Amino acid sequence: MKKGAVIIDVSVDMGGCFETTEVTSHDQPTKIINGVIHYGVPNIPARYPKTASMSISNIFTPYIIEISEKGGIENAIRINHTLKNGLYFYHGILTSKSVSDWFNLSYRDINLLIF
């Protein structure tokens, strides 16, 4: 990358997505590595908790309403593929292949669990 470029690694809490990323803090949020400015603060929303809470509410409220309108989570995940694909666990069973691969755990496809 060119000197002076900026990398904001929003995945730093999960190991980062750039080879040169290092964890930074809100007090010292950037590091310059090879002339590139790196921002690697984990849990970025913690800096603005009220705004983060409002944003999360705005994201989750429509899903909660849909779940209630569909008669519960069981029906909602049958109909809404976004909800279904966002599940990590279903009745205590790991349903996320990426989490399974990351931690070397067994998982089951959610499509085989819901009927």
PDB file of N, CA and C in Angstrom:
ATOM      1  N   MET A   1       0.847  -1.177   0.000  1.00  0.00           N
ATOM      2  CA  MET A   1       0.000   0.000   0.000  1.00  0.00           C
ATOM      3  C   MET A   1       0.893   1.240   0.000  1.00  0.00           C
ATOM      4  N   LYS A   2       0.328   2.318  -0.491  1.00  0.00           N
ATOM      5  CA  LYS A   2       1.073   3.568  -0.543  1.00  0.00           C
ATOM      6  C   LYS A   2       1.249   4.134   0.855  1.00  0.00           C
ATOM      7  N   LYS A   3       2.356   4.833   1.075  1.00  0.00           N
ATOM      8  CA  LYS A   3       2.573   5.510   2.351  1.00  0.00           C
ATOM      9  C   LYS A   3       1.453   6.533   2.561  1.00  0.00           C
ATOM     10  N   GLY A   4       0.935   6.586   3.787  1.00  0.00           N
ATOM     11  CA  GLY A   4      -0.148   7.497   4.112  1.00  0.00           C
ATOM     12  C   GLY A   4      -1.529   6.876   3.943  1.00  0.00           C
ATOM     13  N   ALA A   5      -1.583   5.674   3.356  1.00  0.00           N
ATOM     14  CA  ALA A   5      -2.872   4.986   3.237  1.00  0.00           C
ATOM     15  C   ALA A   5      -3.369   4.632   4.630  1.00  0.00           C
ATOM     16  N   VAL A   6      -4.678   4.394   4.749  1.00  0.00           N
ATOM     17  CA  VAL A   6      -5.284   4.099   6.040  1.00  0.00           C
ATOM     18  C   VAL A   6      -5.996   2.750   5.960  1.00  0.00           C
ATOM     19  N   ILE A   7      -5.746   1.913   6.969  1.00  0.00           N
ATOM     20  CA  ILE A   7      -6.451   0.638   7.111  1.00  0.00           C
ATOM     21  C   ILE A   7      -7.268   0.717   8.393  1.00  0.00           C
ATOM     22  N   ILE A   8      -8.561   0.453   8.279  1.00  0.00           N
ATOM     23  CA  ILE A   8      -9.422   0.352   9.461  1.00  0.00           C
ATOM     24  C   ILE A   8      -9.868  -1.102   9.531  1.00  0.00           C
ATOM     25  N   ASP A   9      -9.316  -1.828  10.489  1.00  0.00           N
ATOM     26  CA  ASP A   9      -9.582  -3.257  10.598  1.00  0.00           C
ATOM     27  C   ASP A   9     -10.723  -3.483  11.577  1.00  0.00           C
ATOM     28  N   VAL A  10     -11.940  -3.585  11.049  1.00  0.00           N
ATOM     29  CA  VAL A  10     -13.107  -3.778  11.902  1.00  0.00           C
ATOM     30  C   VAL A  10     -13.231  -5.222  12.387  1.00  0.00           C
ATOM     31  N   SER A  11     -12.342  -6.089  11.946  1.00  0.00           N
ATOM     32  CA  SER A  11     -12.349  -7.496  12.380  1.00  0.00           C
ATOM     33  C   SER A  11     -11.234  -7.791  13.367  1.00  0.00           C
ATOM     34  N   VAL A  12     -10.619  -6.768  13.914  1.00  0.00           N
ATOM     35  CA  VAL A  12      -9.473  -6.990  14.790  1.00  0.00           C
ATOM     36  C   VAL A  12      -9.839  -7.816  16.020  1.00  0.00           C
ATOM     37  N   ASP A  13     -11.091  -7.714  16.492  1.00  0.00           N
ATOM     38  CA  ASP A  13     -11.508  -8.509  17.658  1.00  0.00           C
ATOM     39  C   ASP A  13     -11.486 -10.001  17.353  1.00  0.00           C
ATOM     40  N   MET A  14     -11.568 -10.351  16.077  1.00  0.00           N
ATOM     41  CA  MET A  14     -11.619 -11.759  15.685  1.00  0.00           C
ATOM     42  C   MET A  14     -10.324 -12.180  14.981  1.00  0.00           C
ATOM     43  N   GLY A  15      -9.239 -11.478  15.259  1.00  0.00           N
ATOM     44  CA  GLY A  15      -7.958 -11.844  14.669  1.00  0.00           C
ATOM     45  C   GLY A  15      -7.498 -10.926  13.549  1.00  0.00           C
ATOM     46  N   GLY A  16      -8.366 -10.046  13.108  1.00  0.00           N
ATOM     47  CA  GLY A  16      -7.995  -9.094  12.075  1.00  0.00           C
ATOM     48  C   GLY A  16      -8.107  -9.662  10.679  1.00  0.00           C
ATOM     49  N   CYS A  17      -8.118  -8.762   9.704  1.00  0.00           N
ATOM     50  CA  CYS A  17      -8.203  -9.213   8.318  1.00  0.00           C
ATOM     51  C   CYS A  17      -7.042  -8.692   7.477  1.00  0.00           C
ATOM     52  N   PHE A  18      -6.042  -8.084   8.120  1.00  0.00           N
ATOM     53  CA  PHE A  18      -4.847  -7.636   7.420  1.00  0.00           C
ATOM     54  C   PHE A  18      -3.626  -8.197   8.131  1.00  0.00           C
ATOM     55  N   GLU A  19      -2.652  -8.615   7.377  1.00  0.00           N
ATOM     56  CA  GLU A  19      -1.463  -9.232   7.963  1.00  0.00           C
ATOM     57  C   GLU A  19      -0.729  -8.290   8.912  1.00  0.00           C
ATOM     58  N   THR A  20      -0.743  -7.013   8.627  1.00  0.00           N
ATOM     59  CA  THR A  20       0.026  -6.057   9.429  1.00  0.00           C
ATOM     60  C   THR A  20      -0.765  -5.427  10.571  1.00  0.00           C
ATOM     61  N   THR A  21      -2.020  -5.793  10.728  1.00  0.00           N
ATOM     62  CA  THR A  21      -2.846  -5.208  11.788  1.00  0.00           C
ATOM     63  C   THR A  21      -2.321  -5.577  13.161  1.00  0.00           C
ATOM     64  N   GLU A  22      -2.299  -4.600  14.037  1.00  0.00           N
ATOM     65  CA  GLU A  22      -2.017  -4.820  15.450  1.00  0.00           C
ATOM     66  C   GLU A  22      -3.153  -4.193  16.246  1.00  0.00           C
ATOM     67  N   VAL A  23      -3.479  -4.795  17.374  1.00  0.00           N
ATOM     68  CA  VAL A  23      -4.549  -4.260  18.212  1.00  0.00           C
ATOM     69  C   VAL A  23      -4.098  -2.922  18.787  1.00  0.00           C
ATOM     70  N   THR A  24      -4.991  -1.923  18.684  1.00  0.00           N
ATOM     71  CA  THR A  24      -4.731  -0.605  19.265  1.00  0.00           C
ATOM     72  C   THR A  24      -5.836  -0.333  20.296  1.00  0.00           C
ATOM     73  N   SER A  25      -5.850   0.866  20.850  1.00  0.00           N
ATOM     74  CA  SER A  25      -6.834   1.196  21.880  1.00  0.00           C
ATOM     75  C   SER A  25      -7.502   2.525  21.542  1.00  0.00           C
ATOM     76  N   HIS A  26      -8.572   2.848  22.278  1.00  0.00           N
ATOM     77  CA  HIS A  26      -9.218   4.137  22.074  1.00  0.00           C
ATOM     78  C   HIS A  26      -8.274   5.278  22.449  1.00  0.00           C
ATOM     79  N   ASP A  27      -7.388   5.046  23.421  1.00  0.00           N
ATOM     80  CA  ASP A  27      -6.438   6.092  23.829  1.00  0.00           C
ATOM     81  C   ASP A  27      -5.365   6.331  22.774  1.00  0.00           C
ATOM     82  N   GLN A  28      -4.908   5.263  22.131  1.00  0.00           N
ATOM     83  CA  GLN A  28      -3.933   5.363  21.050  1.00  0.00           C
ATOM     84  C   GLN A  28      -4.449   4.504  19.892  1.00  0.00           C
ATOM     85  N   PRO A  29      -5.373   5.059  19.111  1.00  0.00           N
ATOM     86  CA  PRO A  29      -6.096   4.243  18.137  1.00  0.00           C
ATOM     87  C   PRO A  29      -5.332   3.864  16.869  1.00  0.00           C
ATOM     88  N   THR A  30      -4.214   4.534  16.587  1.00  0.00           N
ATOM     89  CA  THR A  30      -3.517   4.227  15.332  1.00  0.00           C
ATOM     90  C   THR A  30      -2.056   3.883  15.569  1.00  0.00           C
ATOM     91  N   LYS A  31      -1.548   3.087  14.649  1.00  0.00           N
ATOM     92  CA  LYS A  31      -0.121   2.779  14.578  1.00  0.00           C
ATOM     93  C   LYS A  31       0.283   2.912  13.123  1.00  0.00           C
ATOM     94  N   ILE A  32       1.486   3.397  12.901  1.00  0.00           N
ATOM     95  CA  ILE A  32       1.991   3.481  11.538  1.00  0.00           C
ATOM     96  C   ILE A  32       2.944   2.314  11.334  1.00  0.00           C
ATOM     97  N   ILE A  33       2.611   1.463  10.376  1.00  0.00           N
ATOM     98  CA  ILE A  33       3.414   0.289  10.067  1.00  0.00           C
ATOM     99  C   ILE A  33       3.705   0.330   8.573  1.00  0.00           C
ATOM    100  N   ASN A  34       4.978   0.355   8.232  1.00  0.00           N
ATOM    101  CA  ASN A  34       5.409   0.449   6.826  1.00  0.00           C
ATOM    102  C   ASN A  34       4.813   1.669   6.130  1.00  0.00           C
ATOM    103  N   GLY A  35       4.649   2.769   6.871  1.00  0.00           N
ATOM    104  CA  GLY A  35       4.124   3.998   6.299  1.00  0.00           C
ATOM    105  C   GLY A  35       2.614   4.023   6.152  1.00  0.00           C
ATOM    106  N   VAL A  36       1.948   2.949   6.551  1.00  0.00           N
ATOM    107  CA  VAL A  36       0.489   2.858   6.440  1.00  0.00           C
ATOM    108  C   VAL A  36      -0.120   3.043   7.830  1.00  0.00           C
ATOM    109  N   ILE A  37      -1.129   3.880   7.922  1.00  0.00           N
ATOM    110  CA  ILE A  37      -1.806   4.134   9.198  1.00  0.00           C
ATOM    111  C   ILE A  37      -2.798   3.004   9.447  1.00  0.00           C
ATOM    112  N   HIS A  38      -2.652   2.326  10.578  1.00  0.00           N
ATOM    113  CA  HIS A  38      -3.518   1.211  10.950  1.00  0.00           C
ATOM    114  C   HIS A  38      -4.393   1.614  12.128  1.00  0.00           C
ATOM    115  N   TYR A  39      -5.690   1.367  12.002  1.00  0.00           N
ATOM    116  CA  TYR A  39      -6.640   1.568  13.096  1.00  0.00           C
ATOM    117  C   TYR A  39      -7.150   0.183  13.449  1.00  0.00           C
ATOM    118  N   GLY A  40      -6.803  -0.289  14.652  1.00  0.00           N
ATOM    119  CA  GLY A  40      -7.168  -1.642  15.050  1.00  0.00           C
ATOM    120  C   GLY A  40      -7.793  -1.699  16.425  1.00  0.00           C
ATOM    121  N   VAL A  41      -8.761  -0.830  16.676  1.00  0.00           N
ATOM    122  CA  VAL A  41      -9.417  -0.797  17.982  1.00  0.00           C
ATOM    123  C   VAL A  41     -10.502  -1.866  18.034  1.00  0.00           C
ATOM    124  N   PRO A  42     -10.390  -2.816  18.987  1.00  0.00           N
ATOM    125  CA  PRO A  42     -11.473  -3.778  19.130  1.00  0.00           C
ATOM    126  C   PRO A  42     -12.693  -3.113  19.769  1.00  0.00           C
ATOM    127  N   ASN A  43     -13.845  -3.622  19.470  1.00  0.00           N
ATOM    128  CA  ASN A  43     -15.093  -3.113  20.031  1.00  0.00           C
ATOM    129  C   ASN A  43     -15.235  -1.608  19.795  1.00  0.00           C
ATOM    130  N   ILE A  44     -15.169  -1.223  18.541  1.00  0.00           N
ATOM    131  CA  ILE A  44     -15.257   0.190  18.154  1.00  0.00           C
ATOM    132  C   ILE A  44     -16.490   0.876  18.745  1.00  0.00           C
ATOM    133  N   PRO A  45     -17.666   0.223  18.781  1.00  0.00           N
ATOM    134  CA  PRO A  45     -18.850   0.913  19.301  1.00  0.00           C
ATOM    135  C   PRO A  45     -18.758   1.322  20.769  1.00  0.00           C
ATOM    136  N   ALA A  46     -17.828   0.745  21.527  1.00  0.00           N
ATOM    137  CA  ALA A  46     -17.709   1.092  22.940  1.00  0.00           C
ATOM    138  C   ALA A  46     -17.389   2.572  23.135  1.00  0.00           C
ATOM    139  N   ARG A  47     -16.830   3.187  22.138  1.00  0.00           N
ATOM    140  CA  ARG A  47     -16.494   4.615  22.228  1.00  0.00           C
ATOM    141  C   ARG A  47     -17.762   5.473  22.267  1.00  0.00           C
ATOM    142  N   TYR A  48     -18.832   4.995  21.632  1.00  0.00           N
ATOM    143  CA  TYR A  48     -20.085   5.727  21.554  1.00  0.00           C
ATOM    144  C   TYR A  48     -21.239   4.785  21.921  1.00  0.00           C
ATOM    145  N   PRO A  49     -21.355   4.416  23.193  1.00  0.00           N
ATOM    146  CA  PRO A  49     -22.324   3.384  23.576  1.00  0.00           C
ATOM    147  C   PRO A  49     -23.782   3.749  23.310  1.00  0.00           C
ATOM    148  N   LYS A  50     -24.157   5.008  23.493  1.00  0.00           N
ATOM    149  CA  LYS A  50     -25.554   5.383  23.257  1.00  0.00           C
ATOM    150  C   LYS A  50     -25.899   5.243  21.779  1.00  0.00           C
ATOM    151  N   THR A  51     -25.034   5.758  20.915  1.00  0.00           N
ATOM    152  CA  THR A  51     -25.254   5.646  19.476  1.00  0.00           C
ATOM    153  C   THR A  51     -25.243   4.193  19.047  1.00  0.00           C
ATOM    154  N   ALA A  52     -24.324   3.406  19.595  1.00  0.00           N
ATOM    155  CA  ALA A  52     -24.254   1.988  19.250  1.00  0.00           C
ATOM    156  C   ALA A  52     -25.522   1.264  19.677  1.00  0.00           C
ATOM    157  N   SER A  53     -26.014   1.568  20.870  1.00  0.00           N
ATOM    158  CA  SER A  53     -27.245   0.931  21.356  1.00  0.00           C
ATOM    159  C   SER A  53     -28.434   1.281  20.471  1.00  0.00           C
ATOM    160  N   MET A  54     -28.528   2.536  20.060  1.00  0.00           N
ATOM    161  CA  MET A  54     -29.620   2.945  19.182  1.00  0.00           C
ATOM    162  C   MET A  54     -29.514   2.239  17.828  1.00  0.00           C
ATOM    163  N   SER A  55     -28.303   2.120  17.319  1.00  0.00           N
ATOM    164  CA  SER A  55     -28.099   1.448  16.036  1.00  0.00           C
ATOM    165  C   SER A  55     -28.486  -0.017  16.115  1.00  0.00           C
ATOM    166  N   ILE A  56     -28.069  -0.677  17.181  1.00  0.00           N
ATOM    167  CA  ILE A  56     -28.403  -2.090  17.359  1.00  0.00           C
ATOM    168  C   ILE A  56     -29.918  -2.259  17.474  1.00  0.00           C
ATOM    169  N   SER A  57     -30.549  -1.356  18.210  1.00  0.00           N
ATOM    170  CA  SER A  57     -32.015  -1.413  18.326  1.00  0.00           C
ATOM    171  C   SER A  57     -32.675  -1.263  16.963  1.00  0.00           C
ATOM    172  N   ASN A  58     -32.171  -0.357  16.156  1.00  0.00           N
ATOM    173  CA  ASN A  58     -32.735  -0.141  14.824  1.00  0.00           C
ATOM    174  C   ASN A  58     -32.551  -1.366  13.928  1.00  0.00           C
ATOM    175  N   ILE A  59     -31.479  -2.108  14.142  1.00  0.00           N
ATOM    176  CA  ILE A  59     -31.227  -3.306  13.344  1.00  0.00           C
ATOM    177  C   ILE A  59     -32.090  -4.468  13.814  1.00  0.00           C
ATOM    178  N   PHE A  60     -32.169  -4.678  15.129  1.00  0.00           N
ATOM    179  CA  PHE A  60     -32.846  -5.860  15.656  1.00  0.00           C
ATOM    180  C   PHE A  60     -34.362  -5.732  15.792  1.00  0.00           C
ATOM    181  N   THR A  61     -34.868  -4.522  15.973  1.00  0.00           N
ATOM    182  CA  THR A  61     -36.301  -4.343  16.188  1.00  0.00           C
ATOM    183  C   THR A  61     -37.145  -4.948  15.062  1.00  0.00           C
ATOM    184  N   PRO A  62     -36.815  -4.705  13.792  1.00  0.00           N
ATOM    185  CA  PRO A  62     -37.635  -5.329  12.737  1.00  0.00           C
ATOM    186  C   PRO A  62     -37.626  -6.863  12.805  1.00  0.00           C
ATOM    187  N   TYR A  63     -36.494  -7.454  13.178  1.00  0.00           N
ATOM    188  CA  TYR A  63     -36.436  -8.912  13.306  1.00  0.00           C
ATOM    189  C   TYR A  63     -37.304  -9.399  14.462  1.00  0.00           C
ATOM    190  N   ILE A  64     -37.248  -8.692  15.581  1.00  0.00           N
ATOM    191  CA  ILE A  64     -38.064  -9.075  16.741  1.00  0.00           C
ATOM    192  C   ILE A  64     -39.545  -8.975  16.407  1.00  0.00           C
ATOM    193  N   ILE A  65     -39.919  -7.916  15.710  1.00  0.00           N
ATOM    194  CA  ILE A  65     -41.319  -7.765  15.299  1.00  0.00           C
ATOM    195  C   ILE A  65     -41.715  -8.900  14.354  1.00  0.00           C
ATOM    196  N   GLU A  66     -40.846  -9.204  13.398  1.00  0.00           N
ATOM    197  CA  GLU A  66     -41.149 -10.284  12.459  1.00  0.00           C
ATOM    198  C   GLU A  66     -41.284 -11.627  13.173  1.00  0.00           C
ATOM    199  N   ILE A  67     -40.396 -11.899  14.120  1.00  0.00           N
ATOM    200  CA  ILE A  67     -40.472 -13.146  14.877  1.00  0.00           C
ATOM    201  C   ILE A  67     -41.809 -13.242  15.601  1.00  0.00           C
ATOM    202  N   SER A  68     -42.223 -12.138  16.213  1.00  0.00           N
ATOM    203  CA  SER A  68     -43.513 -12.172  16.934  1.00  0.00           C
ATOM    204  C   SER A  68     -44.682 -12.314  15.971  1.00  0.00           C
ATOM    205  N   GLU A  69     -44.618 -11.650  14.819  1.00  0.00           N
ATOM    206  CA  GLU A  69     -45.707 -11.736  13.847  1.00  0.00           C
ATOM    207  C   GLU A  69     -45.805 -13.110  13.194  1.00  0.00           C
ATOM    208  N   LYS A  70     -44.695 -13.810  13.083  1.00  0.00           N
ATOM    209  CA  LYS A  70     -44.681 -15.141  12.459  1.00  0.00           C
ATOM    210  C   LYS A  70     -45.004 -16.246  13.460  1.00  0.00           C
ATOM    211  N   GLY A  71     -45.190 -15.889  14.725  1.00  0.00           N
ATOM    212  CA  GLY A  71     -45.554 -16.884  15.722  1.00  0.00           C
ATOM    213  C   GLY A  71     -44.376 -17.526  16.420  1.00  0.00           C
ATOM    214  N   GLY A  72     -43.220 -16.895  16.366  1.00  0.00           N
ATOM    215  CA  GLY A  72     -42.045 -17.413  17.064  1.00  0.00           C
ATOM    216  C   GLY A  72     -40.863 -17.623  16.137  1.00  0.00           C
ATOM    217  N   ILE A  73     -39.734 -17.918  16.742  1.00  0.00           N
ATOM    218  CA  ILE A  73     -38.479 -18.052  15.992  1.00  0.00           C
ATOM    219  C   ILE A  73     -38.530 -19.220  15.018  1.00  0.00           C
ATOM    220  N   GLU A  74     -39.190 -20.305  15.401  1.00  0.00           N
ATOM    221  CA  GLU A  74     -39.264 -21.495  14.534  1.00  0.00           C
ATOM    222  C   GLU A  74     -39.845 -21.132  13.169  1.00  0.00           C
ATOM    223  N   ASN A  75     -40.987 -20.482  13.172  1.00  0.00           N
ATOM    224  CA  ASN A  75     -41.625 -20.100  11.909  1.00  0.00           C
ATOM    225  C   ASN A  75     -40.837 -19.026  11.181  1.00  0.00           C
ATOM    226  N   ALA A  76     -40.295 -18.082  11.922  1.00  0.00           N
ATOM    227  CA  ALA A  76     -39.567 -16.973  11.300  1.00  0.00           C
ATOM    228  C   ALA A  76     -38.340 -17.458  10.540  1.00  0.00           C
ATOM    229  N   ILE A  77     -37.591 -18.413  11.103  1.00  0.00           N
ATOM    230  CA  ILE A  77     -36.390 -18.864  10.388  1.00  0.00           C
ATOM    231  C   ILE A  77     -36.734 -19.746   9.191  1.00  0.00           C
ATOM    232  N   ARG A  78     -37.918 -20.321   9.176  1.00  0.00           N
ATOM    233  CA  ARG A  78     -38.351 -21.073   7.991  1.00  0.00           C
ATOM    234  C   ARG A  78     -38.625 -20.128   6.819  1.00  0.00           C
ATOM    235  N   ILE A  79     -39.119 -18.944   7.138  1.00  0.00           N
ATOM    236  CA  ILE A  79     -39.546 -17.985   6.113  1.00  0.00           C
ATOM    237  C   ILE A  79     -38.435 -16.998   5.746  1.00  0.00           C
ATOM    238  N   ASN A  80     -37.713 -16.516   6.751  1.00  0.00           N
ATOM    239  CA  ASN A  80     -36.725 -15.453   6.535  1.00  0.00           C
ATOM    240  C   ASN A  80     -35.321 -16.048   6.464  1.00  0.00           C
ATOM    241  N   HIS A  81     -34.748 -16.077   5.263  1.00  0.00           N
ATOM    242  CA  HIS A  81     -33.423 -16.669   5.061  1.00  0.00           C
ATOM    243  C   HIS A  81     -32.323 -15.882   5.770  1.00  0.00           C
ATOM    244  N   THR A  82     -32.515 -14.584   5.938  1.00  0.00           N
ATOM    245  CA  THR A  82     -31.523 -13.777   6.651  1.00  0.00           C
ATOM    246  C   THR A  82     -31.434 -14.211   8.109  1.00  0.00           C
ATOM    247  N   LEU A  83     -32.560 -14.399   8.737  1.00  0.00           N
ATOM    248  CA  LEU A  83     -32.565 -14.891  10.118  1.00  0.00           C
ATOM    249  C   LEU A  83     -31.925 -16.272  10.196  1.00  0.00           C
ATOM    250  N   LYS A  84     -32.322 -17.140   9.290  1.00  0.00           N
ATOM    251  CA  LYS A  84     -31.802 -18.511   9.298  1.00  0.00           C
ATOM    252  C   LYS A  84     -30.287 -18.521   9.103  1.00  0.00           C
ATOM    253  N   ASN A  85     -29.793 -17.736   8.166  1.00  0.00           N
ATOM    254  CA  ASN A  85     -28.355 -17.716   7.890  1.00  0.00           C
ATOM    255  C   ASN A  85     -27.558 -17.017   8.985  1.00  0.00           C
ATOM    256  N   GLY A  86     -28.233 -16.241   9.829  1.00  0.00           N
ATOM    257  CA  GLY A  86     -27.561 -15.554  10.923  1.00  0.00           C
ATOM    258  C   GLY A  86     -27.444 -16.374  12.195  1.00  0.00           C
ATOM    259  N   LEU A  87     -28.027 -17.557  12.201  1.00  0.00           N
ATOM    260  CA  LEU A  87     -27.970 -18.402  13.396  1.00  0.00           C
ATOM    261  C   LEU A  87     -26.585 -19.020  13.566  1.00  0.00           C
ATOM    262  N   TYR A  88     -26.123 -19.063  14.787  1.00  0.00           N
ATOM    263  CA  TYR A  88     -24.907 -19.808  15.123  1.00  0.00           C
ATOM    264  C   TYR A  88     -25.283 -21.116  15.803  1.00  0.00           C
ATOM    265  N   PHE A  89     -26.343 -21.075  16.609  1.00  0.00           N
ATOM    266  CA  PHE A  89     -26.811 -22.261  17.325  1.00  0.00           C
ATOM    267  C   PHE A  89     -28.315 -22.387  17.153  1.00  0.00           C
ATOM    268  N   TYR A  90     -28.787 -23.615  17.143  1.00  0.00           N
ATOM    269  CA  TYR A  90     -30.211 -23.898  17.087  1.00  0.00           C
ATOM    270  C   TYR A  90     -30.453 -25.062  18.034  1.00  0.00           C
ATOM    271  N   HIS A  91     -31.221 -24.820  19.085  1.00  0.00           N
ATOM    272  CA  HIS A  91     -31.473 -25.831  20.117  1.00  0.00           C
ATOM    273  C   HIS A  91     -30.168 -26.437  20.636  1.00  0.00           C
ATOM    274  N   GLY A  92     -29.161 -25.591  20.823  1.00  0.00           N
ATOM    275  CA  GLY A  92     -27.885 -26.035  21.377  1.00  0.00           C
ATOM    276  C   GLY A  92     -26.958 -26.694  20.379  1.00  0.00           C
ATOM    277  N   ILE A  93     -27.335 -26.747  19.122  1.00  0.00           N
ATOM    278  CA  ILE A  93     -26.514 -27.384  18.089  1.00  0.00           C
ATOM    279  C   ILE A  93     -25.853 -26.293  17.248  1.00  0.00           C
ATOM    280  N   LEU A  94     -24.542 -26.381  17.079  1.00  0.00           N
ATOM    281  CA  LEU A  94     -23.806 -25.410  16.269  1.00  0.00           C
ATOM    282  C   LEU A  94     -24.239 -25.534  14.814  1.00  0.00           C
ATOM    283  N   THR A  95     -24.644 -24.408  14.208  1.00  0.00           N
ATOM    284  CA  THR A  95     -25.137 -24.409  12.829  1.00  0.00           C
ATOM    285  C   THR A  95     -24.308 -23.512  11.915  1.00  0.00           C
ATOM    286  N   SER A  96     -23.206 -22.979  12.411  1.00  0.00           N
ATOM    287  CA  SER A  96     -22.366 -22.084  11.624  1.00  0.00           C
ATOM    288  C   SER A  96     -21.108 -22.822  11.164  1.00  0.00           C
ATOM    289  N   LYS A  97     -20.982 -23.012   9.847  1.00  0.00           N
ATOM    290  CA  LYS A  97     -19.812 -23.715   9.312  1.00  0.00           C
ATOM    291  C   LYS A  97     -18.536 -22.935   9.585  1.00  0.00           C
ATOM    292  N   SER A  98     -18.576 -21.617   9.458  1.00  0.00           N
ATOM    293  CA  SER A  98     -17.360 -20.829   9.668  1.00  0.00           C
ATOM    294  C   SER A  98     -16.879 -20.926  11.117  1.00  0.00           C
ATOM    295  N   VAL A  99     -17.795 -20.887  12.076  1.00  0.00           N
ATOM    296  CA  VAL A  99     -17.418 -21.056  13.485  1.00  0.00           C
ATOM    297  C   VAL A  99     -16.891 -22.469  13.700  1.00  0.00           C
ATOM    298  N   SER A 100     -17.530 -23.427  13.068  1.00  0.00           N
ATOM    299  CA  SER A 100     -17.094 -24.822  13.160  1.00  0.00           C
ATOM    300  C   SER A 100     -15.659 -24.982  12.655  1.00  0.00           C
ATOM    301  N   ASP A 101     -15.387 -24.401  11.496  1.00  0.00           N
ATOM    302  CA  ASP A 101     -14.041 -24.490  10.925  1.00  0.00           C
ATOM    303  C   ASP A 101     -13.020 -23.781  11.803  1.00  0.00           C
ATOM    304  N   TRP A 102     -13.388 -22.616  12.305  1.00  0.00           N
ATOM    305  CA  TRP A 102     -12.465 -21.802  13.107  1.00  0.00           C
ATOM    306  C   TRP A 102     -12.047 -22.543  14.380  1.00  0.00           C
ATOM    307  N   PHE A 103     -13.012 -23.179  15.051  1.00  0.00           N
ATOM    308  CA  PHE A 103     -12.733 -23.830  16.325  1.00  0.00           C
ATOM    309  C   PHE A 103     -12.645 -25.357  16.229  1.00  0.00           C
ATOM    310  N   ASN A 104     -12.673 -25.870  14.999  1.00  0.00           N
ATOM    311  CA  ASN A 104     -12.577 -27.305  14.765  1.00  0.00           C
ATOM    312  C   ASN A 104     -13.646 -28.074  15.554  1.00  0.00           C
ATOM    313  N   LEU A 105     -14.896 -27.629  15.401  1.00  0.00           N
ATOM    314  CA  LEU A 105     -16.037 -28.255  16.069  1.00  0.00           C
ATOM    315  C   LEU A 105     -16.975 -28.832  15.016  1.00  0.00           C
ATOM    316  N   SER A 106     -17.752 -29.806  15.406  1.00  0.00           N
ATOM    317  CA  SER A 106     -18.734 -30.344  14.474  1.00  0.00           C
ATOM    318  C   SER A 106     -19.945 -29.422  14.433  1.00  0.00           C
ATOM    319  N   TYR A 107     -20.623 -29.437  13.312  1.00  0.00           N
ATOM    320  CA  TYR A 107     -21.822 -28.613  13.159  1.00  0.00           C
ATOM    321  C   TYR A 107     -22.828 -29.382  12.323  1.00  0.00           C
ATOM    322  N   ARG A 108     -24.058 -28.887  12.333  1.00  0.00           N
ATOM    323  CA  ARG A 108     -25.121 -29.460  11.502  1.00  0.00           C
ATOM    324  C   ARG A 108     -25.730 -28.332  10.684  1.00  0.00           C
ATOM    325  N   ASP A 109     -26.058 -28.641   9.461  1.00  0.00           N
ATOM    326  CA  ASP A 109     -26.696 -27.675   8.565  1.00  0.00           C
ATOM    327  C   ASP A 109     -28.082 -27.349   9.111  1.00  0.00           C
ATOM    328  N   ILE A 110     -28.376 -26.067   9.267  1.00  0.00           N
ATOM    329  CA  ILE A 110     -29.657 -25.631   9.826  1.00  0.00           C
ATOM    330  C   ILE A 110     -30.823 -26.144   8.979  1.00  0.00           C
ATOM    331  N   ASN A 111     -30.610 -26.280   7.674  1.00  0.00           N
ATOM    332  CA  ASN A 111     -31.693 -26.753   6.800  1.00  0.00           C
ATOM    333  C   ASN A 111     -32.113 -28.185   7.117  1.00  0.00           C
ATOM    334  N   LEU A 112     -31.215 -28.944   7.716  1.00  0.00           N
ATOM    335  CA  LEU A 112     -31.548 -30.317   8.097  1.00  0.00           C
ATOM    336  C   LEU A 112     -32.217 -30.383   9.466  1.00  0.00           C
ATOM    337  N   LEU A 113     -32.142 -29.290  10.225  1.00  0.00           N
ATOM    338  CA  LEU A 113     -32.703 -29.277  11.574  1.00  0.00           C
ATOM    339  C   LEU A 113     -34.114 -28.723  11.658  1.00  0.00           C
ATOM    340  N   ILE A 114     -34.450 -27.831  10.721  1.00  0.00           N
ATOM    341  CA  ILE A 114     -35.798 -27.246  10.756  1.00  0.00           C
ATOM    342  C   ILE A 114     -36.701 -28.008   9.802  1.00  0.00           C
ATOM    343  N   PHE A 115     -37.921 -28.191  10.183  1.00  0.00           N
ATOM    344  CA  PHE A 115     -38.887 -28.859   9.298  1.00  0.00           C
ATOM    345  C   PHE A 115     -40.220 -28.230   9.402  1.00  0.00           C
TER     346      PHE A 115
END
